[in-house]
Protein backbone atom coordinates (compact mmCIF):
# COMPACT_ATOMS: atom_id res chain seq x y z
CA UNK A 1 62.47 -153.24 100.92
CA UNK A 2 60.34 -152.26 97.97
CA UNK A 3 57.82 -154.69 96.50
CA UNK A 4 57.38 -155.19 92.78
CA UNK A 5 53.91 -156.50 91.93
CA UNK A 6 53.45 -157.83 88.43
CA UNK A 7 49.99 -158.30 86.91
CA UNK A 8 49.58 -159.85 83.49
CA UNK A 9 46.54 -158.45 81.69
CA UNK A 10 43.35 -160.47 81.85
CA UNK A 11 42.21 -162.69 78.97
CA UNK A 12 41.64 -160.66 75.84
CA UNK A 13 39.41 -161.10 72.85
CA UNK A 14 40.68 -161.50 69.30
CA UNK A 15 38.18 -159.56 67.17
CA UNK A 16 38.93 -159.86 63.44
CA UNK A 17 40.66 -156.84 61.96
CA UNK A 18 41.44 -155.21 65.32
CA UNK A 19 45.11 -154.27 65.78
CA UNK A 20 46.86 -156.03 68.67
CA UNK A 21 47.19 -152.82 70.71
CA UNK A 22 43.41 -152.26 70.50
CA UNK A 23 42.19 -155.73 71.51
CA UNK A 24 39.65 -155.56 74.37
CA UNK A 25 39.17 -157.96 77.24
CA UNK A 26 37.11 -161.02 76.49
CA UNK A 27 34.32 -162.41 78.72
CA UNK A 28 36.74 -164.35 80.95
CA UNK A 29 39.00 -161.32 81.24
CA UNK A 30 36.06 -159.18 82.33
CA UNK A 31 35.46 -161.69 85.17
CA UNK A 32 39.11 -162.23 86.12
CA UNK A 33 40.36 -158.63 86.23
CA UNK A 34 38.18 -157.70 89.25
CA UNK A 35 39.33 -160.92 90.94
CA UNK A 36 42.92 -159.74 90.52
CA UNK A 37 41.95 -156.46 92.18
CA UNK A 38 40.32 -158.32 95.07
CA UNK A 39 43.48 -160.39 95.50
CA UNK A 40 45.59 -157.23 95.64
CA UNK A 41 43.19 -155.64 98.15
CA UNK A 42 43.13 -158.71 100.41
CA UNK A 43 46.72 -159.91 100.17
CA UNK A 44 48.57 -156.71 99.41
CA UNK A 45 50.86 -155.08 99.13
CA UNK A 46 48.84 -152.16 97.79
CA UNK A 47 50.68 -150.20 95.11
CA UNK A 48 52.02 -146.68 95.59
CA UNK A 49 52.38 -146.32 91.81
CA UNK A 50 51.09 -148.25 88.80
CA UNK A 51 52.90 -148.44 85.48
CA UNK A 52 50.53 -149.81 82.87
CA UNK A 53 51.01 -150.61 79.21
CA UNK A 54 48.80 -148.37 77.04
CA UNK A 55 47.25 -151.35 75.20
CA UNK A 56 43.50 -151.49 75.58
CA UNK A 57 43.49 -154.88 77.34
CA UNK A 58 45.98 -153.73 79.98
CA UNK A 59 44.12 -150.47 80.59
CA UNK A 60 40.83 -152.37 80.96
CA UNK A 61 42.47 -154.89 83.30
CA UNK A 62 43.78 -152.10 85.50
CA UNK A 63 40.49 -150.17 85.50
CA UNK A 64 38.54 -153.25 86.64
CA UNK A 65 41.17 -154.30 89.20
CA UNK A 66 41.49 -150.76 90.61
CA UNK A 67 37.77 -150.65 91.44
CA UNK A 68 38.39 -153.39 94.00
CA UNK A 69 41.11 -151.48 95.89
CA UNK A 70 40.39 -149.32 98.94
CA UNK A 71 42.05 -146.35 97.19
CA UNK A 72 43.26 -145.94 93.64
CA UNK A 73 46.98 -145.21 93.40
CA UNK A 74 48.47 -142.94 90.74
CA UNK A 75 48.77 -144.65 87.35
CA UNK A 76 51.07 -143.87 84.47
CA UNK A 77 50.42 -145.41 81.07
CA UNK A 78 53.91 -146.29 79.93
CA UNK A 79 54.38 -146.91 76.18
CA UNK A 80 57.66 -148.72 76.81
CA UNK A 81 55.78 -151.58 78.49
CA UNK A 82 53.92 -152.58 75.33
CA UNK A 83 55.68 -155.53 73.66
CA UNK A 84 58.72 -154.98 75.89
CA UNK A 85 61.27 -157.61 76.75
CA UNK A 86 62.48 -158.22 80.31
CA UNK A 87 65.54 -155.97 80.04
CA UNK A 88 63.47 -153.05 78.71
CA UNK A 89 60.94 -153.48 81.51
CA UNK A 90 63.75 -153.61 84.07
CA UNK A 91 65.19 -150.38 82.64
CA UNK A 92 61.78 -148.74 83.10
CA UNK A 93 61.51 -150.01 86.70
CA UNK A 94 64.96 -148.65 87.51
CA UNK A 95 63.68 -145.13 86.72
CA UNK A 96 60.99 -145.28 89.44
CA UNK A 97 61.69 -142.84 92.29
CA UNK A 98 63.16 -144.38 95.43
CA UNK A 99 60.20 -143.09 97.48
CA UNK A 100 57.82 -145.55 95.78
CA UNK A 101 57.53 -148.48 98.17
CA UNK A 102 55.31 -150.76 96.09
CA UNK A 103 55.25 -150.65 92.31
CA UNK A 104 52.62 -152.45 90.23
CA UNK A 105 53.32 -153.28 86.58
CA UNK A 106 50.40 -154.18 84.31
CA UNK A 107 51.63 -155.62 81.05
CA UNK A 108 52.14 -158.52 78.69
CA UNK A 109 53.86 -161.80 78.22
CA UNK A 110 56.45 -162.97 77.50
CA UNK A 111 58.10 -159.84 78.94
CA UNK A 112 56.54 -160.06 82.41
CA UNK A 113 57.28 -163.74 82.92
CA UNK A 114 60.82 -163.24 81.65
CA UNK A 115 61.25 -160.29 84.04
CA UNK A 116 60.27 -162.37 87.07
CA UNK A 117 62.62 -165.15 85.98
CA UNK A 118 65.39 -162.62 85.36
CA UNK A 119 64.98 -161.07 88.81
CA UNK A 120 64.33 -164.22 90.86
CA UNK A 121 65.02 -167.10 88.48
CA UNK A 122 68.11 -168.38 90.26
CA UNK A 123 66.32 -168.83 93.59
CA UNK A 124 65.11 -172.42 93.02
CA UNK A 125 64.04 -174.46 96.02
CA UNK A 126 63.29 -173.17 99.50
CA UNK A 127 60.77 -170.41 100.13
CA UNK A 128 59.14 -169.41 96.88
CA UNK A 129 60.78 -172.25 94.93
CA UNK A 130 57.51 -174.06 94.15
CA UNK A 131 55.88 -170.79 93.08
CA UNK A 132 58.87 -169.98 90.89
CA UNK A 133 58.72 -173.41 89.28
CA UNK A 134 55.00 -172.94 88.53
CA UNK A 135 55.64 -169.44 87.17
CA UNK A 136 58.48 -170.68 84.97
CA UNK A 137 56.09 -173.22 83.45
CA UNK A 138 53.28 -170.74 82.80
CA UNK A 139 52.42 -167.14 83.64
CA UNK A 140 48.74 -167.11 82.62
CA UNK A 141 46.47 -164.15 82.07
CA UNK A 142 45.51 -162.30 85.28
CA UNK A 143 48.44 -163.87 87.15
CA UNK A 144 49.95 -161.83 89.96
CA UNK A 145 53.57 -162.18 91.07
CA UNK A 146 55.13 -160.29 93.98
CA UNK A 147 58.88 -159.78 94.29
CA UNK A 148 60.75 -158.30 97.24
CA UNK A 149 63.65 -156.16 96.13
CA UNK A 150 66.41 -154.96 98.45
CA UNK A 151 67.59 -151.39 98.07
CA UNK A 152 66.18 -148.89 95.59
CA UNK A 153 64.59 -149.43 92.20
CA UNK A 154 67.71 -148.05 90.54
CA UNK A 155 69.76 -150.80 92.20
CA UNK A 156 67.56 -153.69 91.00
CA UNK A 157 69.65 -156.29 89.18
CA UNK A 158 69.14 -159.74 87.65
CA UNK A 159 68.92 -162.27 90.45
CA UNK A 160 68.47 -159.43 92.95
CA UNK A 161 64.88 -160.05 94.05
CA UNK A 162 62.94 -162.81 95.78
CA UNK A 163 59.57 -164.11 94.61
CA UNK A 164 57.27 -163.91 97.63
CA UNK A 165 53.92 -164.74 96.01
CA UNK A 166 52.44 -166.08 92.78
CA UNK A 167 48.67 -166.33 92.41
CA UNK A 168 46.23 -166.83 89.53
CA UNK A 169 42.96 -165.14 90.52
CA UNK A 170 39.84 -166.19 88.68
CA UNK A 171 36.41 -164.61 88.70
CA UNK A 172 33.11 -166.44 88.96
CA UNK A 173 31.67 -168.22 85.95
């Protein structure tokens, strides 16, 4: 079963006059992004491929998180992930080769939160139910969700995955 790991970018800054796509990480984001990488390194699963939005804050999040991994996987900066809705993200995921066992997406809300709810949103209660309830309430910056998906990426459908983890890593103050 492939694993889909979803990482929302770390907290960004809002400098005046800077276009949204070019906003950098803020001080908290610079602390939290490495913590997300440490979580991935310790808890796994480690990605075989990373699809990352080309926005500056997502690229910076990935760069800082990747430094914490034992080995850096291939990364593809995917323009379709910027400002994408859940269906567009799912279409992108479905194009991933079947040989990729663990896929990491680094992107934005509300698309990422909506994607998790689309894929696992009907699985309330039981294993993962509490995590899904928390995620439905808020998918904060630097949050990491892991979904187990049966079959291939091309076969991924709404309601066709199970949320196996939801964590909100934070760096030191």
